[in-house]
N, C-alpha and C. Protein backbone atom coordinates (compact mmCIF):
# COMPACT_ATOMS: atom_id res chain seq x y z
N MET A 1 0.02 -19.18 -2.41
CA MET A 1 -1.44 -18.93 -1.27
C MET A 1 -1.61 -17.62 -1.40
N ALA A 2 -2.41 -16.95 -1.74
CA ALA A 2 -3.63 -16.35 -1.90
C ALA A 2 -3.51 -15.26 -0.34
N LYS A 3 -3.33 -13.84 -0.11
CA LYS A 3 -3.07 -13.10 0.62
C LYS A 3 -4.22 -12.87 0.94
N ASP A 4 -4.95 -12.20 1.87
CA ASP A 4 -6.49 -11.99 2.31
C ASP A 4 -6.80 -11.35 3.13
N GLY A 5 -7.59 -10.11 2.44
CA GLY A 5 -7.14 -8.95 2.46
C GLY A 5 -6.95 -7.81 3.84
N PHE A 6 -7.04 -8.64 4.57
CA PHE A 6 -5.86 -7.63 5.95
C PHE A 6 -5.34 -7.98 5.60
N THR A 7 -3.97 -8.75 4.97
CA THR A 7 -2.77 -8.80 4.87
C THR A 7 -2.48 -7.01 3.55
N ASN A 8 -3.40 -7.15 3.07
CA ASN A 8 -2.88 -6.45 1.13
C ASN A 8 -3.56 -5.35 2.23
N LYS A 9 -4.29 -4.60 3.47
CA LYS A 9 -3.92 -3.71 3.98
C LYS A 9 -2.66 -3.17 4.02
N VAL A 10 -2.76 -4.46 4.94
CA VAL A 10 -1.18 -3.72 6.00
C VAL A 10 -0.53 -3.35 5.04
N GLU A 11 0.11 -4.53 4.76
CA GLU A 11 1.05 -4.15 3.83
C GLU A 11 1.02 -3.29 2.51
N GLY A 12 0.00 -2.51 2.07
CA GLY A 12 -0.22 -1.16 0.92
C GLY A 12 0.13 -0.04 2.48
N LYS A 13 -0.11 -0.05 3.77
CA LYS A 13 -0.18 1.07 4.53
C LYS A 13 1.59 0.99 4.85
N LEU A 14 2.59 -0.17 4.80
CA LEU A 14 3.62 -0.84 4.90
C LEU A 14 4.21 -0.25 3.53
N GLU A 15 3.39 -0.17 2.82
CA GLU A 15 3.64 0.59 1.72
C GLU A 15 4.43 1.68 1.15
N LYS A 16 3.58 2.94 1.72
CA LYS A 16 2.78 3.92 1.66
C LYS A 16 3.46 4.06 2.48
N VAL A 17 3.65 4.52 3.76
CA VAL A 17 4.87 4.71 4.61
C VAL A 17 6.46 4.67 4.31
N SER A 18 6.57 3.77 3.65
CA SER A 18 8.15 3.01 2.89
C SER A 18 8.31 4.41 2.09
N GLY A 19 7.52 4.39 1.20
CA GLY A 19 7.85 5.28 0.43
C GLY A 19 7.28 6.69 0.39
N LYS A 20 6.43 7.73 1.47
CA LYS A 20 7.31 8.95 1.93
C LYS A 20 7.84 9.03 2.36
N ILE A 21 8.78 7.66 3.13
CA ILE A 21 10.27 8.16 3.72
C ILE A 21 11.91 7.94 3.18
N LYS A 22 11.39 7.84 1.90
CA LYS A 22 11.82 7.69 0.28
C LYS A 22 11.93 9.07 -0.55
N GLU A 23 10.16 9.20 -0.33
CA GLU A 23 11.03 10.76 -0.95
C GLU A 23 11.05 11.41 -0.18
N ALA A 24 11.05 12.06 0.92
CA ALA A 24 11.40 12.62 2.33
C ALA A 24 12.83 12.59 2.26
N VAL A 25 13.60 11.84 2.41
CA VAL A 25 14.62 11.47 1.71
C VAL A 25 15.62 11.98 1.13
N GLY A 26 15.10 12.21 -0.62
CA GLY A 26 14.72 12.24 -1.56
C GLY A 26 15.08 13.70 -1.47
N ASP A 27 13.75 15.18 -0.96
CA ASP A 27 13.39 15.54 -0.96
C ASP A 27 15.19 16.03 -0.39
N ALA A 28 15.33 15.66 0.70
CA ALA A 28 16.42 16.50 1.23
C ALA A 28 17.82 16.26 1.26
N THR A 29 17.59 15.13 -0.07
CA THR A 29 19.19 15.07 -0.55
C THR A 29 19.33 15.45 -1.26
N ASP A 30 18.35 16.50 -2.02
CA ASP A 30 18.97 16.20 -3.20
C ASP A 30 18.24 15.58 -4.46
N ASN A 31 18.16 14.67 -4.00
CA ASN A 31 18.20 13.03 -5.05
C ASN A 31 16.48 12.68 -5.91
N ARG A 32 16.21 13.27 -6.87
CA ARG A 32 15.00 13.46 -7.76
C ARG A 32 14.46 12.33 -8.35
N SER A 33 15.88 10.83 -8.15
CA SER A 33 15.78 9.33 -8.81
C SER A 33 14.31 9.05 -7.39
N LEU A 34 15.30 9.44 -6.59
CA LEU A 34 14.98 8.28 -4.90
C LEU A 34 13.21 9.12 -4.82
N GLU A 35 12.94 10.55 -4.81
CA GLU A 35 11.62 11.02 -4.47
C GLU A 35 10.71 10.29 -5.28
N ARG A 36 10.97 10.57 -6.28
CA ARG A 36 10.19 9.63 -7.63
C ARG A 36 9.15 8.52 -7.45
N GLU A 37 11.06 7.88 -6.81
CA GLU A 37 10.74 6.34 -6.53
C GLU A 37 9.40 6.15 -5.10
N GLY A 38 9.67 7.20 -4.47
CA GLY A 38 8.97 7.46 -2.79
C GLY A 38 7.44 7.12 -3.50
N LYS A 39 7.54 8.66 -4.30
CA LYS A 39 5.62 8.94 -4.23
C LYS A 39 5.47 7.31 -5.18
N LYS A 40 6.05 6.88 -5.99
CA LYS A 40 5.27 5.00 -6.62
C LYS A 40 5.65 4.05 -5.90
N GLU A 41 6.15 4.61 -4.80
CA GLU A 41 5.81 3.34 -3.83
C GLU A 41 4.21 3.73 -2.97
N GLN A 42 4.11 4.92 -2.59
CA GLN A 42 3.04 6.04 -2.45
C GLN A 42 2.03 5.28 -3.02
N LEU A 43 1.91 5.50 -4.53
CA LEU A 43 0.96 4.91 -5.21
C LEU A 43 0.46 3.26 -5.18
N LYS A 44 1.92 2.61 -5.56
CA LYS A 44 0.96 1.42 -5.21
C LYS A 44 0.68 0.75 -3.93
N GLY A 45 1.42 1.34 -2.98
CA GLY A 45 1.00 1.49 -1.46
C GLY A 45 -0.88 1.44 -1.60
N ASN A 46 -1.45 2.92 -2.27
CA ASN A 46 -2.84 3.16 -1.96
C ASN A 46 -3.40 2.36 -2.23
N VAL A 47 -3.20 1.93 -3.87
CA VAL A 47 -3.47 0.75 -4.59
C VAL A 47 -3.96 -0.27 -3.66
N GLN A 48 -2.88 -1.05 -3.34
CA GLN A 48 -3.26 -1.39 -2.50
C GLN A 48 -4.01 -1.74 -1.48
N GLU A 49 -3.72 -0.86 -0.50
CA GLU A 49 -4.36 -0.33 0.44
C GLU A 49 -6.26 -0.45 0.20
N LYS A 50 -6.46 0.35 -0.18
CA LYS A 50 -7.69 0.46 -1.19
C LYS A 50 -8.57 -0.56 -1.96
N ALA A 51 -7.09 -2.25 -1.85
CA ALA A 51 -7.77 -3.03 -2.89
C ALA A 51 -8.11 -4.71 -1.91
N GLY A 52 -7.45 -4.82 -0.95
CA GLY A 52 -7.15 -4.73 0.06
C GLY A 52 -8.65 -5.04 1.18
N LYS A 53 -9.10 -3.55 1.31
CA LYS A 53 -10.04 -2.99 1.52
C LYS A 53 -11.13 -3.33 0.99
N VAL A 54 -11.82 -3.81 -0.13
CA VAL A 54 -11.82 -4.46 -0.84
C VAL A 54 -12.89 -6.01 -0.58
N GLN A 55 -10.78 -6.44 -1.07
CA GLN A 55 -11.62 -8.00 -0.57
C GLN A 55 -11.81 -8.54 0.74
N GLN A 56 -11.16 -7.24 1.49
CA GLN A 56 -12.20 -7.71 2.57
C GLN A 56 -13.07 -7.40 2.46
N ASP A 57 -13.97 -6.26 1.90
CA ASP A 57 -15.16 -6.50 2.58
C ASP A 57 -16.11 -8.02 1.84
N PHE A 58 -15.61 -8.31 0.77
CA PHE A 58 -15.82 -9.17 -0.52
C PHE A 58 -15.84 -10.81 0.74
N GLU A 59 -14.36 -10.57 1.00
CA GLU A 59 -14.66 -11.58 1.74
C GLU A 59 -15.80 -11.93 3.59
N ASP A 60 -15.90 -10.61 4.02
CA ASP A 60 -16.92 -10.62 5.13
C ASP A 60 -18.33 -10.70 4.35
N VAL A 61 -18.42 -10.30 3.64
CA VAL A 61 -20.40 -10.83 2.71
C VAL A 61 -19.88 -12.08 2.80
N THR A 62 -19.26 -12.89 1.63
CA THR A 62 -19.36 -14.65 1.58
C THR A 62 -19.48 -15.16 2.77
N LYS A 63 -18.43 -15.28 3.41
CA LYS A 63 -18.09 -15.38 5.43
C LYS A 63 -19.93 -16.03 5.61
N ASP A 64 -20.33 -14.04 5.08
CA ASP A 64 -21.85 -14.70 6.60
C ASP A 64 -22.64 -15.18 5.66
N ARG A 65 -22.54 -15.62 4.40
CA ARG A 65 -23.69 -16.47 3.19
C ARG A 65 -23.14 -17.58 3.73
N ARG A 66 -22.35 -18.02 4.67
CA ARG A 66 -22.29 -19.52 4.88
C ARG A 66 -22.81 -20.04 5.91
């Protein structure tokens, strides 16, 4: 089943938070690999969050036309 826009936005935010934690832990422990992984998660989360916003806006517009 496809996710709705709100779910994508929330999951994107969670991905960003998880990425920030990984980046911070990687930085604190001098683990560059974990730090890079955290940065990638943040980017992925940002994209998912923005896609969810667009999707939610589209859902709102199409709901209004019914």
